[in-house]
Each structure stands twice: as C-alpha cells, then as structure tokens.
Amino acid sequence: MPVKCCFHRPAPKETMAWMESVDTLLANKDGLAAFRSFLKSEFSEENIEFWLACEDFKKTKSAAKIALKAQKIYSEFIQADAPKEINIDFSTRDHITQNISEPTLQCFDDAQRLIYCLMTKDSFPRFLKSEAYKELVNRQQNGNQKRWLLFL
C-alpha cells in the first residue's frame, strides 16, 4: 500500500540525511511526518505517538500537569487493552502501573527507551527500504537534475 505524504517537499540534503540515524529523522519536521506516515501504513503508529507524548511529557513544569499528562499517557498507551497499547515487556509495564499514582518526569523513560530501540532496530531500517522513502529520494534527485538542466 503506497504511503501518501501530506507535507511539503523537504530539501534534498535533508532527505538523504535521514539515512544517518533515527535521531536525524525524528529531529526533522518533514522526516518525522514521513516516518509517521510510514508507521501508520504498517499499523504501528502508536510507537511514534508514544515516543512523542513522552518527549512532550518530559517538558512539563507543573506538578498538576505532570499527573494529568502521566495518566493520559498511561491510559492511552500503557494499561492493558489501552486504545494505542505499545508492545513492552511485563516488568516495564508493571513498574509503571505500580508508580503511576505518583508519577515523575522519568516514569516512562524505560518504556520510551524500549520503543525507541524498537523503532531504531526494526521500523527505521524498513522505512529506509520502503517505496515511500525511495520515492522521496528519487523526487529530490529528479528535481535537482531538472534544475541543473535549466542552466545548460
């Protein structure tokens, strides 16, 4: 199933730079959108959504918001039968469950690390081999060739 991307065309250097690491990809708005679209096509978008939710959660300042956001992340991604349940081991899930009543900004770190590793070792290499990524790279290369032809 082809992945339709709904974002502007990234610069050629950006598209090629995404191959360097998952961090480079996630730090780039267009790279993140392309990866998210790819994960959606593979029915595993909960991983990037959880990772992003954790990144946002770690920036939370107020104690009241920490508790609210932690509960939202827990009910959306961690608890058994959550709507976007992530695939983590029992001990990590159990540790979060036992500590969710008094959450800290680090309460999801282990789960986030597991999901990050999963994306890095599994999803990211598949994304780089995907038709969607190859198509983006080809479009960039074709666009560059057309620009050069205008100067000839």
N, C-alpha and C. Protein backbone atom coordinates (compact mmCIF):
# COMPACT_ATOMS: atom_id res chain seq x y z
N MET A 1 0.85 -1.17 0.00
CA MET A 1 0.00 0.00 0.00
C MET A 1 0.89 1.23 0.00
N PRO A 2 0.79 2.11 -0.97
CA PRO A 2 1.63 3.29 -1.02
C PRO A 2 1.30 4.25 0.12
N VAL A 3 2.32 4.90 0.61
CA VAL A 3 2.15 5.86 1.69
C VAL A 3 2.03 7.24 1.07
N LYS A 4 0.93 7.91 1.36
CA LYS A 4 0.73 9.26 0.86
C LYS A 4 1.23 10.24 1.90
N CYS A 5 2.12 11.09 1.48
CA CYS A 5 2.68 12.06 2.40
C CYS A 5 1.98 13.40 2.21
N CYS A 6 1.62 14.00 3.30
CA CYS A 6 0.89 15.27 3.21
C CYS A 6 1.72 16.39 3.82
N PHE A 7 2.95 16.54 3.35
CA PHE A 7 3.80 17.60 3.83
C PHE A 7 4.58 18.14 2.66
N HIS A 8 5.18 19.32 2.85
CA HIS A 8 5.91 19.91 1.73
C HIS A 8 7.17 19.12 1.42
N ARG A 9 7.70 19.31 0.25
CA ARG A 9 8.86 18.55 -0.19
C ARG A 9 10.11 19.03 0.55
N PRO A 10 10.77 18.13 1.28
CA PRO A 10 11.97 18.52 2.01
C PRO A 10 13.14 18.77 1.06
N ALA A 11 14.13 19.47 1.56
CA ALA A 11 15.33 19.73 0.76
C ALA A 11 16.06 18.41 0.52
N PRO A 12 16.72 18.26 -0.63
CA PRO A 12 17.42 17.01 -0.95
C PRO A 12 18.40 16.57 0.12
N LYS A 13 19.16 17.51 0.66
CA LYS A 13 20.14 17.15 1.70
C LYS A 13 19.44 16.58 2.93
N GLU A 14 18.28 17.16 3.27
CA GLU A 14 17.51 16.66 4.42
C GLU A 14 17.09 15.22 4.20
N THR A 15 16.53 14.94 3.03
CA THR A 15 16.02 13.60 2.74
C THR A 15 17.15 12.57 2.84
N MET A 16 18.29 12.89 2.29
CA MET A 16 19.43 11.97 2.35
C MET A 16 19.98 11.87 3.78
N ALA A 17 19.93 12.96 4.53
CA ALA A 17 20.45 12.97 5.90
C ALA A 17 19.64 12.05 6.81
N TRP A 18 18.38 11.84 6.47
CA TRP A 18 17.55 10.97 7.31
C TRP A 18 18.14 9.57 7.41
N MET A 19 18.93 9.15 6.45
CA MET A 19 19.53 7.82 6.49
C MET A 19 20.56 7.69 7.60
N GLU A 20 21.10 8.81 8.05
CA GLU A 20 22.18 8.80 9.04
C GLU A 20 21.75 8.14 10.34
N SER A 21 20.59 8.54 10.85
CA SER A 21 20.13 7.98 12.12
C SER A 21 18.66 8.29 12.34
N VAL A 22 18.07 7.53 13.21
CA VAL A 22 16.68 7.79 13.55
C VAL A 22 16.55 9.14 14.26
N ASP A 23 17.60 9.56 14.98
CA ASP A 23 17.58 10.87 15.65
C ASP A 23 17.50 12.00 14.63
N THR A 24 18.27 11.90 13.55
CA THR A 24 18.24 12.91 12.49
C THR A 24 16.84 12.98 11.89
N LEU A 25 16.26 11.82 11.66
CA LEU A 25 14.92 11.74 11.09
C LEU A 25 13.89 12.38 12.02
N LEU A 26 13.93 12.01 13.30
CA LEU A 26 12.93 12.49 14.26
C LEU A 26 13.09 13.98 14.56
N ALA A 27 14.29 14.51 14.39
CA ALA A 27 14.54 15.92 14.67
C ALA A 27 14.07 16.82 13.52
N ASN A 28 13.76 16.22 12.39
CA ASN A 28 13.35 16.99 11.22
C ASN A 28 11.83 16.88 11.05
N LYS A 29 11.16 18.01 10.94
CA LYS A 29 9.68 18.02 10.86
C LYS A 29 9.18 17.15 9.70
N ASP A 30 9.79 17.29 8.53
CA ASP A 30 9.35 16.52 7.38
C ASP A 30 9.72 15.04 7.53
N GLY A 31 10.88 14.78 8.11
CA GLY A 31 11.30 13.40 8.35
C GLY A 31 10.35 12.70 9.30
N LEU A 32 9.98 13.41 10.36
CA LEU A 32 9.04 12.87 11.34
C LEU A 32 7.69 12.58 10.67
N ALA A 33 7.23 13.50 9.83
CA ALA A 33 5.94 13.31 9.14
C ALA A 33 6.01 12.10 8.21
N ALA A 34 7.12 11.95 7.48
CA ALA A 34 7.26 10.82 6.56
C ALA A 34 7.33 9.50 7.33
N PHE A 35 8.07 9.49 8.44
CA PHE A 35 8.21 8.27 9.25
C PHE A 35 6.88 7.93 9.90
N ARG A 36 6.19 8.93 10.38
CA ARG A 36 4.88 8.71 11.00
C ARG A 36 3.90 8.12 9.99
N SER A 37 3.91 8.65 8.79
CA SER A 37 3.04 8.15 7.72
C SER A 37 3.38 6.69 7.39
N PHE A 38 4.68 6.39 7.37
CA PHE A 38 5.12 5.02 7.12
C PHE A 38 4.63 4.09 8.24
N LEU A 39 4.82 4.50 9.49
CA LEU A 39 4.38 3.67 10.61
C LEU A 39 2.87 3.45 10.58
N LYS A 40 2.14 4.49 10.16
CA LYS A 40 0.69 4.36 10.05
C LYS A 40 0.35 3.28 9.02
N SER A 41 1.08 3.25 7.93
CA SER A 41 0.83 2.24 6.88
C SER A 41 1.13 0.84 7.37
N GLU A 42 1.98 0.73 8.39
CA GLU A 42 2.34 -0.56 8.97
C GLU A 42 1.54 -0.87 10.24
N PHE A 43 0.60 -0.03 10.54
CA PHE A 43 -0.24 -0.19 11.74
C PHE A 43 0.59 -0.21 13.02
N SER A 44 1.63 0.62 13.07
CA SER A 44 2.43 0.71 14.29
C SER A 44 2.71 2.16 14.68
N GLU A 45 1.78 3.04 14.34
CA GLU A 45 1.96 4.46 14.64
C GLU A 45 1.92 4.76 16.13
N GLU A 46 1.41 3.82 16.93
CA GLU A 46 1.38 4.04 18.38
C GLU A 46 2.79 4.23 18.93
N ASN A 47 3.78 3.63 18.28
CA ASN A 47 5.16 3.76 18.77
C ASN A 47 5.65 5.21 18.69
N ILE A 48 5.49 5.83 17.55
CA ILE A 48 5.94 7.22 17.41
C ILE A 48 5.06 8.15 18.23
N GLU A 49 3.78 7.86 18.32
CA GLU A 49 2.89 8.70 19.12
C GLU A 49 3.26 8.63 20.60
N PHE A 50 3.59 7.44 21.08
CA PHE A 50 4.03 7.28 22.47
C PHE A 50 5.35 8.02 22.69
N TRP A 51 6.29 7.84 21.78
CA TRP A 51 7.60 8.49 21.91
C TRP A 51 7.43 10.01 21.96
N LEU A 52 6.60 10.55 21.07
CA LEU A 52 6.36 12.00 21.04
C LEU A 52 5.65 12.47 22.32
N ALA A 53 4.69 11.69 22.79
CA ALA A 53 3.98 12.03 24.03
C ALA A 53 4.97 12.08 25.20
N CYS A 54 5.91 11.15 25.23
CA CYS A 54 6.92 11.14 26.30
C CYS A 54 7.85 12.35 26.19
N GLU A 55 8.23 12.71 24.97
CA GLU A 55 9.08 13.88 24.77
C GLU A 55 8.37 15.13 25.28
N ASP A 56 7.09 15.26 24.97
CA ASP A 56 6.31 16.40 25.44
C ASP A 56 6.16 16.35 26.97
N PHE A 57 5.91 15.17 27.50
CA PHE A 57 5.71 14.98 28.94
C PHE A 57 6.94 15.44 29.73
N LYS A 58 8.13 15.14 29.23
CA LYS A 58 9.36 15.49 29.94
C LYS A 58 9.58 17.00 30.04
N LYS A 59 8.87 17.77 29.24
CA LYS A 59 8.99 19.24 29.27
C LYS A 59 7.99 19.88 30.22
N THR A 60 7.14 19.08 30.84
CA THR A 60 6.08 19.58 31.72
C THR A 60 6.69 20.16 33.00
N LYS A 61 6.18 21.31 33.39
CA LYS A 61 6.72 22.01 34.57
C LYS A 61 5.85 21.85 35.82
N SER A 62 4.55 21.98 35.67
CA SER A 62 3.69 21.98 36.86
C SER A 62 3.35 20.56 37.33
N ALA A 63 3.33 20.39 38.63
CA ALA A 63 3.04 19.07 39.22
C ALA A 63 1.65 18.57 38.84
N ALA A 64 0.68 19.48 38.79
CA ALA A 64 -0.69 19.10 38.42
C ALA A 64 -0.72 18.58 36.98
N LYS A 65 -0.01 19.26 36.09
CA LYS A 65 0.01 18.82 34.69
C LYS A 65 0.79 17.52 34.53
N ILE A 66 1.80 17.32 35.34
CA ILE A 66 2.56 16.05 35.29
C ILE A 66 1.61 14.90 35.58
N ALA A 67 0.83 15.04 36.62
CA ALA A 67 -0.12 13.97 37.00
C ALA A 67 -1.15 13.74 35.89
N LEU A 68 -1.70 14.82 35.34
CA LEU A 68 -2.70 14.68 34.27
C LEU A 68 -2.12 14.05 33.01
N LYS A 69 -0.98 14.55 32.58
CA LYS A 69 -0.36 14.01 31.37
C LYS A 69 0.08 12.56 31.55
N ALA A 70 0.62 12.26 32.73
CA ALA A 70 1.05 10.88 33.01
C ALA A 70 -0.14 9.93 32.93
N GLN A 71 -1.25 10.32 33.50
CA GLN A 71 -2.45 9.47 33.48
C GLN A 71 -2.95 9.29 32.05
N LYS A 72 -2.88 10.36 31.26
CA LYS A 72 -3.32 10.29 29.86
C LYS A 72 -2.43 9.33 29.07
N ILE A 73 -1.12 9.45 29.24
CA ILE A 73 -0.18 8.55 28.54
C ILE A 73 -0.41 7.12 28.99
N TYR A 74 -0.58 6.95 30.29
CA TYR A 74 -0.81 5.60 30.83
C TYR A 74 -2.07 4.97 30.24
N SER A 75 -3.17 5.72 30.26
CA SER A 75 -4.43 5.14 29.78
C SER A 75 -4.45 4.97 28.26
N GLU A 76 -3.69 5.79 27.55
CA GLU A 76 -3.68 5.70 26.10
C GLU A 76 -2.72 4.64 25.56
N PHE A 77 -1.58 4.43 26.26
CA PHE A 77 -0.53 3.57 25.71
C PHE A 77 -0.08 2.40 26.58
N ILE A 78 -0.21 2.50 27.89
CA ILE A 78 0.42 1.53 28.79
C ILE A 78 -0.53 0.48 29.35
N GLN A 79 -1.65 0.93 29.90
CA GLN A 79 -2.53 -0.03 30.60
C GLN A 79 -3.00 -1.13 29.65
N ALA A 80 -3.33 -2.28 30.23
CA ALA A 80 -3.80 -3.41 29.43
C ALA A 80 -5.03 -2.98 28.62
N ASP A 81 -5.05 -3.36 27.37
CA ASP A 81 -6.14 -3.03 26.45
C ASP A 81 -6.29 -1.53 26.19
N ALA A 82 -5.21 -0.77 26.34
CA ALA A 82 -5.23 0.65 26.01
C ALA A 82 -5.52 0.81 24.52
N PRO A 83 -6.17 1.89 24.12
CA PRO A 83 -6.52 2.07 22.70
C PRO A 83 -5.31 2.03 21.76
N LYS A 84 -4.16 2.52 22.25
CA LYS A 84 -2.94 2.52 21.43
C LYS A 84 -1.82 1.79 22.19
N GLU A 85 -2.15 0.66 22.75
CA GLU A 85 -1.22 -0.08 23.59
C GLU A 85 0.09 -0.38 22.87
N ILE A 86 1.19 -0.02 23.53
CA ILE A 86 2.51 -0.28 22.96
C ILE A 86 2.99 -1.65 23.42
N ASN A 87 3.91 -2.19 22.67
CA ASN A 87 4.44 -3.53 22.95
C ASN A 87 5.68 -3.43 23.82
N ILE A 88 5.46 -3.56 25.14
CA ILE A 88 6.58 -3.55 26.09
C ILE A 88 6.46 -4.78 26.98
N ASP A 89 7.57 -5.12 27.63
CA ASP A 89 7.58 -6.32 28.47
C ASP A 89 6.77 -6.10 29.75
N PHE A 90 6.42 -7.22 30.37
CA PHE A 90 5.56 -7.20 31.56
C PHE A 90 6.19 -6.40 32.69
N SER A 91 7.48 -6.59 32.94
CA SER A 91 8.09 -5.93 34.10
C SER A 91 8.10 -4.40 33.94
N THR A 92 8.33 -3.92 32.73
CA THR A 92 8.31 -2.47 32.48
C THR A 92 6.90 -1.93 32.68
N ARG A 93 5.92 -2.63 32.11
CA ARG A 93 4.53 -2.21 32.25
C ARG A 93 4.11 -2.24 33.72
N ASP A 94 4.49 -3.29 34.42
CA ASP A 94 4.13 -3.45 35.82
C ASP A 94 4.76 -2.35 36.68
N HIS A 95 6.01 -2.03 36.40
CA HIS A 95 6.70 -0.98 37.16
C HIS A 95 5.99 0.37 36.98
N ILE A 96 5.59 0.68 35.75
CA ILE A 96 4.86 1.92 35.50
C ILE A 96 3.51 1.90 36.22
N THR A 97 2.81 0.79 36.14
CA THR A 97 1.50 0.65 36.77
C THR A 97 1.58 0.87 38.28
N GLN A 98 2.62 0.32 38.89
CA GLN A 98 2.79 0.48 40.34
C GLN A 98 3.12 1.91 40.75
N ASN A 99 3.72 2.68 39.85
CA ASN A 99 4.18 4.02 40.20
C ASN A 99 3.36 5.15 39.59
N ILE A 100 2.32 4.83 38.84
CA ILE A 100 1.56 5.86 38.13
C ILE A 100 0.79 6.79 39.08
N SER A 101 0.50 6.33 40.28
CA SER A 101 -0.24 7.18 41.23
C SER A 101 0.61 8.37 41.70
N GLU A 102 1.93 8.24 41.63
CA GLU A 102 2.84 9.34 41.98
C GLU A 102 3.89 9.47 40.88
N PRO A 103 3.46 9.96 39.72
CA PRO A 103 4.38 9.98 38.56
C PRO A 103 5.49 11.03 38.69
N THR A 104 6.62 10.70 38.09
CA THR A 104 7.73 11.64 37.97
C THR A 104 7.96 11.86 36.47
N LEU A 105 8.78 12.83 36.13
CA LEU A 105 9.08 13.09 34.72
C LEU A 105 9.85 11.93 34.08
N GLN A 106 10.38 11.03 34.90
CA GLN A 106 11.12 9.89 34.38
C GLN A 106 10.31 8.59 34.38
N CYS A 107 9.05 8.64 34.73
CA CYS A 107 8.27 7.41 34.92
C CYS A 107 8.08 6.59 33.64
N PHE A 108 8.22 7.21 32.48
CA PHE A 108 8.06 6.47 31.23
C PHE A 108 9.39 6.22 30.51
N ASP A 109 10.49 6.61 31.14
CA ASP A 109 11.80 6.52 30.47
C ASP A 109 12.13 5.12 29.97
N ASP A 110 11.91 4.10 30.80
CA ASP A 110 12.25 2.73 30.38
C ASP A 110 11.40 2.29 29.20
N ALA A 111 10.12 2.59 29.26
CA ALA A 111 9.23 2.21 28.15
C ALA A 111 9.59 3.00 26.90
N GLN A 112 9.90 4.28 27.06
CA GLN A 112 10.27 5.09 25.90
C GLN A 112 11.57 4.57 25.28
N ARG A 113 12.50 4.17 26.11
CA ARG A 113 13.77 3.60 25.62
C ARG A 113 13.51 2.32 24.82
N LEU A 114 12.63 1.48 25.32
CA LEU A 114 12.29 0.23 24.62
C LEU A 114 11.65 0.52 23.25
N ILE A 115 10.73 1.46 23.21
CA ILE A 115 10.06 1.81 21.96
C ILE A 115 11.05 2.47 21.00
N TYR A 116 11.93 3.30 21.52
CA TYR A 116 12.95 3.93 20.69
C TYR A 116 13.85 2.85 20.05
N CYS A 117 14.26 1.88 20.85
CA CYS A 117 15.10 0.78 20.33
C CYS A 117 14.34 -0.01 19.27
N LEU A 118 13.08 -0.27 19.53
CA LEU A 118 12.26 -0.99 18.56
C LEU A 118 12.18 -0.22 17.24
N MET A 119 11.94 1.08 17.32
CA MET A 119 11.87 1.89 16.10
C MET A 119 13.23 1.93 15.40
N THR A 120 14.31 2.05 16.18
CA THR A 120 15.65 2.14 15.61
C THR A 120 16.06 0.85 14.91
N LYS A 121 15.80 -0.27 15.55
CA LYS A 121 16.27 -1.56 15.02
C LYS A 121 15.31 -2.21 14.03
N ASP A 122 14.04 -1.85 14.12
CA ASP A 122 13.04 -2.54 13.30
C ASP A 122 12.37 -1.61 12.28
N SER A 123 11.67 -0.61 12.74
CA SER A 123 10.89 0.26 11.85
C SER A 123 11.76 1.15 10.97
N PHE A 124 12.80 1.74 11.55
CA PHE A 124 13.64 2.69 10.80
C PHE A 124 14.32 2.03 9.60
N PRO A 125 14.96 0.85 9.75
CA PRO A 125 15.55 0.20 8.57
C PRO A 125 14.51 -0.13 7.50
N ARG A 126 13.31 -0.54 7.91
CA ARG A 126 12.25 -0.83 6.94
C ARG A 126 11.80 0.45 6.24
N PHE A 127 11.74 1.55 6.98
CA PHE A 127 11.38 2.84 6.39
C PHE A 127 12.38 3.21 5.29
N LEU A 128 13.67 3.04 5.57
CA LEU A 128 14.70 3.40 4.59
C LEU A 128 14.63 2.53 3.34
N LYS A 129 14.08 1.32 3.48
CA LYS A 129 13.93 0.42 2.32
C LYS A 129 12.56 0.56 1.66
N SER A 130 11.69 1.37 2.26
CA SER A 130 10.31 1.47 1.78
C SER A 130 10.23 2.23 0.46
N GLU A 131 9.17 1.94 -0.26
CA GLU A 131 8.91 2.65 -1.52
C GLU A 131 8.67 4.14 -1.25
N ALA A 132 8.05 4.46 -0.14
CA ALA A 132 7.76 5.86 0.19
C ALA A 132 9.06 6.65 0.32
N TYR A 133 10.04 6.10 1.04
CA TYR A 133 11.32 6.81 1.20
C TYR A 133 12.06 6.87 -0.12
N LYS A 134 12.10 5.76 -0.84
CA LYS A 134 12.79 5.75 -2.14
C LYS A 134 12.17 6.76 -3.09
N GLU A 135 10.85 6.87 -3.05
CA GLU A 135 10.15 7.83 -3.90
C GLU A 135 10.53 9.27 -3.54
N LEU A 136 10.61 9.56 -2.24
CA LEU A 136 11.03 10.90 -1.81
C LEU A 136 12.43 11.23 -2.31
N VAL A 137 13.35 10.26 -2.16
CA VAL A 137 14.73 10.47 -2.61
C VAL A 137 14.78 10.65 -4.12
N ASN A 138 14.05 9.81 -4.86
CA ASN A 138 14.03 9.92 -6.32
C ASN A 138 13.46 11.26 -6.76
N ARG A 139 12.39 11.72 -6.11
CA ARG A 139 11.80 13.01 -6.46
C ARG A 139 12.81 14.13 -6.23
N GLN A 140 13.57 14.01 -5.14
CA GLN A 140 14.58 15.03 -4.84
C GLN A 140 15.67 15.02 -5.91
N GLN A 141 16.13 13.82 -6.27
CA GLN A 141 17.19 13.71 -7.27
C GLN A 141 16.70 14.19 -8.64
N ASN A 142 15.49 13.84 -9.00
CA ASN A 142 14.92 14.30 -10.28
C ASN A 142 14.74 15.81 -10.28
N GLY A 143 14.31 16.35 -9.17
CA GLY A 143 14.16 17.80 -9.06
C GLY A 143 15.48 18.52 -9.23
N ASN A 144 16.55 17.95 -8.67
CA ASN A 144 17.89 18.55 -8.81
C ASN A 144 18.36 18.49 -10.24
N GLN A 145 18.12 17.36 -10.91
CA GLN A 145 18.55 17.22 -12.31
C GLN A 145 17.84 18.25 -13.18
N LYS A 146 16.55 18.45 -12.95
CA LYS A 146 15.78 19.42 -13.74
C LYS A 146 16.33 20.83 -13.53
N ARG A 147 16.70 21.16 -12.31
CA ARG A 147 17.27 22.48 -12.03
C ARG A 147 18.58 22.69 -12.78
N TRP A 148 19.42 21.65 -12.80
CA TRP A 148 20.70 21.74 -13.50
C TRP A 148 20.48 21.87 -15.01
N LEU A 149 19.48 21.20 -15.52
CA LEU A 149 19.22 21.26 -16.96
C LEU A 149 18.82 22.67 -17.39
N LEU A 150 18.20 23.41 -16.48
CA LEU A 150 17.82 24.78 -16.81
C LEU A 150 19.05 25.67 -17.05
N PHE A 151 20.18 25.32 -16.44
CA PHE A 151 21.38 26.13 -16.58
C PHE A 151 22.18 25.75 -17.83
N LEU A 152 21.90 24.61 -18.42
CA LEU A 152 22.68 24.14 -19.58
C LEU A 152 22.23 24.77 -20.87
